[in-house]
Each structure stands twice: as structure tokens, then as C-alpha cells.
Protein backbone atom coordinates (compact mmCIF):
# COMPACT_ATOMS: atom_id res chain seq x y z
CA MET A 1 0.00 0.00 0.00
CA LEU A 2 1.18 3.49 -0.76
CA SER A 3 1.78 5.50 2.36
CA ARG A 4 -0.32 8.62 2.83
CA GLN A 5 2.39 10.16 4.99
CA PRO A 6 4.23 13.25 3.70
CA ALA A 7 7.39 12.76 1.67
CA VAL A 8 10.56 12.38 3.71
CA ALA A 9 14.13 13.36 2.91
CA LEU A 10 16.36 10.37 2.29
CA PRO A 11 19.36 10.57 4.65
CA THR A 12 23.01 9.93 3.88
CA ILE A 13 23.16 7.14 6.49
CA PRO A 14 21.95 3.58 5.72
CA VAL A 15 18.19 3.11 6.13
CA LYS A 16 15.94 0.08 6.53
CA LEU A 17 13.75 -0.83 3.57
CA GLU A 18 10.69 -1.41 5.77
CA ASP A 19 10.91 2.15 7.14
CA PHE A 20 10.71 3.69 3.67
CA GLN A 21 8.98 1.19 1.37
CA TYR A 22 6.04 2.74 -0.56
CA ARG A 23 6.66 6.14 1.04
CA GLY A 24 7.18 9.35 -0.83
CA VAL A 25 10.83 10.38 -0.62
CA GLU A 26 12.88 13.36 -1.69
CA VAL A 27 16.61 13.47 -2.23
CA ARG A 28 19.22 15.88 -3.56
CA GLY A 29 22.39 14.75 -5.21
CA VAL A 30 24.37 14.16 -8.37
CA TYR A 31 23.67 11.43 -10.94
CA LEU A 32 26.45 8.96 -11.77
CA PRO A 33 25.56 8.26 -15.44
CA LYS A 34 28.51 5.93 -16.10
CA HIS A 35 26.79 3.37 -13.83
CA THR A 36 23.39 3.61 -15.57
CA ILE A 37 21.83 0.27 -16.43
CA TYR A 38 18.89 -0.62 -18.65
CA LEU A 39 16.49 -3.21 -17.24
CA ASP A 40 15.37 -5.21 -20.26
CA ASN A 41 11.94 -6.52 -21.28
CA LYS A 42 9.82 -3.76 -19.77
CA ILE A 43 6.56 -3.32 -21.67
CA HIS A 44 4.61 -0.07 -21.96
CA GLN A 45 1.38 -0.02 -23.99
CA GLY A 46 2.45 -3.13 -25.88
CA VAL A 47 5.92 -1.80 -26.77
CA ALA A 48 9.10 -3.44 -25.52
CA GLY A 49 11.67 -1.26 -23.85
CA TYR A 50 13.82 -0.64 -20.82
CA HIS A 51 13.62 0.90 -17.37
CA VAL A 52 16.52 3.32 -17.01
CA ILE A 53 18.21 2.95 -13.60
CA THR A 54 20.76 5.61 -12.66
CA PRO A 55 22.51 5.89 -9.30
CA LEU A 56 22.37 9.24 -7.48
CA ARG A 57 25.08 10.23 -4.98
CA ILE A 58 23.20 11.78 -2.04
CA ASP A 59 24.42 15.32 -1.29
CA THR A 60 28.20 15.29 -0.85
CA SER A 61 28.34 11.87 0.84
CA SER A 62 29.49 8.53 -0.53
CA MET A 63 25.96 7.08 -0.05
CA VAL A 64 24.11 6.32 -3.28
CA VAL A 65 20.47 5.54 -4.07
CA LEU A 66 19.23 3.95 -7.29
CA VAL A 67 16.66 5.97 -9.22
CA ASN A 68 14.34 4.28 -11.70
CA ARG A 69 14.04 7.26 -14.01
CA GLY A 70 11.37 5.72 -16.24
CA TRP A 71 10.67 3.67 -19.36
CA VAL A 72 12.12 4.14 -22.83
CA ALA A 73 11.32 2.19 -26.00
CA ALA A 74 13.93 -0.21 -27.33
CA ASP A 75 15.44 0.29 -30.77
CA ARG A 76 14.54 -2.25 -33.48
CA ASP A 77 18.25 -3.05 -33.52
CA ARG A 78 18.67 -4.42 -29.98
CA SER A 79 22.44 -3.87 -30.15
CA LYS A 80 21.79 -0.10 -29.97
CA LEU A 81 20.74 1.43 -26.67
CA PRO A 82 18.35 4.39 -26.70
CA GLN A 83 19.93 7.80 -26.15
CA VAL A 84 18.82 9.08 -22.74
CA SER A 85 20.09 12.38 -21.40
CA THR A 86 21.06 12.59 -17.74
CA PRO A 87 20.88 15.92 -15.89
CA GLU A 88 24.24 17.25 -14.76
CA GLY A 89 25.06 18.92 -11.46
CA THR A 90 22.96 18.76 -8.31
CA VAL A 91 19.36 17.68 -8.88
CA ALA A 92 16.33 17.19 -6.65
CA VAL A 93 14.49 13.91 -7.16
CA SER A 94 11.17 12.90 -5.66
CA GLY A 95 9.29 9.65 -5.98
CA ILE A 96 8.16 6.47 -4.29
CA ALA A 97 10.61 4.23 -2.43
CA THR A 98 10.48 0.54 -3.36
CA ALA A 99 12.71 -2.49 -2.91
CA ALA A 100 15.83 -2.23 -5.04
CA VAL A 101 15.31 -5.71 -6.48
CA GLN A 102 13.48 -6.49 -9.71
CA LYS A 103 13.60 -10.08 -10.89
CA THR A 104 12.20 -12.02 -13.78
CA LEU A 105 13.14 -15.51 -14.97
CA GLU A 106 16.88 -15.97 -14.65
CA LEU A 107 18.68 -18.71 -16.53
CA SER A 108 22.17 -18.05 -15.18
CA LYS A 109 23.78 -16.72 -12.01
CA GLU A 110 26.76 -15.40 -13.98
CA MET A 111 27.83 -11.81 -13.39
CA VAL A 112 26.10 -9.37 -15.70
CA SER A 113 28.32 -7.35 -18.01
CA GLY A 114 27.40 -4.28 -19.98
CA GLN A 115 24.54 -1.88 -19.43
CA VAL A 116 21.59 -4.15 -20.29
CA TRP A 117 20.48 -6.28 -17.34
CA GLY A 118 17.61 -8.76 -17.20
CA ASN A 119 17.29 -8.46 -13.41
CA LEU A 120 18.27 -5.93 -10.81
CA ASP A 121 19.98 -7.55 -7.87
CA LEU A 122 21.40 -5.09 -5.35
CA GLU A 123 24.36 -7.27 -4.35
CA ARG A 124 25.38 -7.84 -7.96
CA TYR A 125 25.02 -4.16 -8.74
CA ARG A 126 27.09 -3.25 -5.67
CA ASP A 127 29.79 -5.77 -6.72
CA ALA A 128 29.82 -4.47 -10.30
CA THR A 129 30.05 -0.78 -9.37
CA GLY A 130 31.68 -0.66 -5.93
CA LEU A 131 29.06 1.88 -4.81
CA THR A 132 27.70 2.21 -1.26
CA LEU A 133 23.95 1.75 -1.80
CA GLN A 134 20.79 2.43 0.13
CA PRO A 135 18.56 -0.72 0.14
CA ILE A 136 15.80 1.11 -1.73
CA MET A 137 15.12 2.36 -5.23
CA ILE A 138 13.19 5.52 -6.02
CA LEU A 139 10.50 5.38 -8.71
CA GLN A 140 10.97 8.92 -9.96
CA GLN A 141 7.82 11.01 -10.26
CA ASP A 142 9.29 14.41 -11.19
CA ASP A 143 8.08 16.04 -14.38
CA VAL A 144 11.45 16.09 -16.14
CA LYS A 145 11.49 16.60 -19.91
CA ASP A 146 13.85 13.73 -20.70
CA GLY A 147 11.63 11.56 -22.90
CA LEU A 148 11.16 8.87 -20.26
CA VAL A 149 7.69 7.55 -19.34
CA ARG A 150 6.90 7.48 -15.62
CA GLN A 151 3.57 5.67 -15.31
CA TRP A 152 4.27 3.35 -12.42
CA ALA A 153 2.02 0.45 -11.52
CA ARG A 154 0.68 1.10 -8.06
CA PRO A 155 2.60 -0.98 -5.56
CA ASP A 156 0.43 -2.83 -3.06
CA SER A 157 0.61 -5.43 -0.37
CA GLY A 158 -0.22 -8.30 -2.72
CA SER A 159 -3.67 -8.72 -1.18
CA ALA A 160 -5.37 -8.56 -4.59
CA ARG A 161 -3.36 -11.58 -5.74
CA ASN A 162 -4.19 -13.43 -2.51
CA LEU A 163 -7.90 -12.71 -3.01
CA GLY A 164 -7.60 -14.08 -6.54
CA TYR A 165 -6.04 -17.30 -5.25
CA ALA A 166 -8.74 -17.62 -2.57
CA PHE A 167 -11.45 -17.18 -5.20
CA GLN A 168 -9.85 -19.88 -7.38
CA TRP A 169 -9.72 -22.35 -4.49
CA PHE A 170 -13.32 -21.69 -3.46
CA ALA A 171 -14.47 -22.03 -7.07
CA MET A 172 -12.62 -25.34 -7.40
CA ALA A 173 -14.08 -26.60 -4.12
CA LEU A 174 -17.58 -25.61 -5.29
CA ALA A 175 -17.05 -27.40 -8.62
CA VAL A 176 -15.90 -30.58 -6.82
CA LEU A 177 -18.95 -30.40 -4.51
CA ILE A 178 -21.34 -30.02 -7.46
CA ILE A 179 -19.72 -32.94 -9.32
CA TYR A 180 -19.95 -35.08 -6.17
CA LEU A 181 -23.64 -34.24 -5.70
CA VAL A 182 -24.49 -34.91 -9.35
CA LEU A 183 -22.71 -38.27 -9.33
CA SER A 184 -24.31 -39.23 -6.01
CA VAL A 185 -27.80 -38.44 -7.33
CA LYS A 186 -27.13 -40.45 -10.51
CA ARG A 187 -25.88 -43.40 -8.46
CA GLU A 188 -28.93 -43.32 -6.22
CA ARG A 189 -31.25 -43.17 -9.25
CA SER A 190 -29.52 -46.10 -10.93
CA LYS A 191 -29.78 -48.14 -7.71
CA SER A 192 -33.50 -47.35 -7.33
CA ASN A 193 -34.11 -48.23 -11.01
CA GLN A 194 -32.33 -51.60 -10.54
CA ASN A 195 -34.46 -52.40 -7.48
CA LYS A 196 -37.70 -51.91 -9.42
């Protein structure tokens, strides 16, 4: 569930994910574009593309937070990455804090190389970059004219999925009960017809 609490400033000291998850956060710092990665296979309105993840050094500290800056369409030639401009100098970023892990099917545990990643794993990213990372990622909500789409799916507690599973189980149980009753009635009728 999204928190209805006011946005909080992200500190330069390590935080706990559970204290910030789904909260509005604000942070000032400098982007580190050389460590930008492109999360592959992100679909927007039926078009394949990437989520652009750029680390932001918080204020003048060594602490860094990952910022999901938004979605960009992939080129038809998948060997070419889309050109995305990154603001220079100190910027203010606001958005929603989420877990800094995004996983899809993974066929190999090998270290990722290059800028296109299938999954975002914080430990792997930390190992690849050497950065000191907060355990959260910010889904940027600022209205920046950089060509990126920021229409985030609303994060929730997963209760909708649990309700869906419950409905499926109750529907299956009801179907089994109906089949049992129908077969029992047919059996009783065939027994009574044999006794006549």
C-alpha cells in the first residue's frame, strides 16, 4: 500500500527498507551516469523497452540511491541502446521508495556485463560498481522533460493476488462439490431403477 504520509528526505546514512517502502521520498544529489543500467523486457502499452536505472550520490556523501528514471522504447536493432540524457550537477528527485530488487526468470547466475540487465539484484550491482547503496530504489515522479515515461504500476501489499487465489480455491471446491452431488444423485437413481 502506498503511504499517505508526507514525503521524507532520504538521509546519507543507511536506512531500513521497511521504514521507507512505498513512502514518498525526496533526495538531492548528483547522478552517476557511467553506472546507468537498462532493465530489459519492460513493456509499456504493448511496446518493448527498458527501465533506465541511474545511481544518485546523495548530497556530498558517498551514499548512493538507485533511481528508476522511467521507461524508454527499445530500438529495433537491440544492439543499440536508446539515447537518454542525464541531468548534470545537483538535482532534486522525488518519488516512491520501493525495494531495489526487480527479478524475472533468470537462466544463469553469472555476473552481468554491460549496461543491459535482465534483473536488478542489489548485491550484484554493488559488486559491479563498488558503490555504497541504500537498500531502496526511487520510482521517480518528477516532471522532467527527458523523454522517459513514468507511469508506475501502483505498488500494493499483494492482497489482490491473494484474493484471486482464494477465489480460485473456493471455485474449485464448489465445482468438486457439485460434481460429487451430481454423481451421487445419478448413483442413487440407478440403484433405485435396478431395485424396481
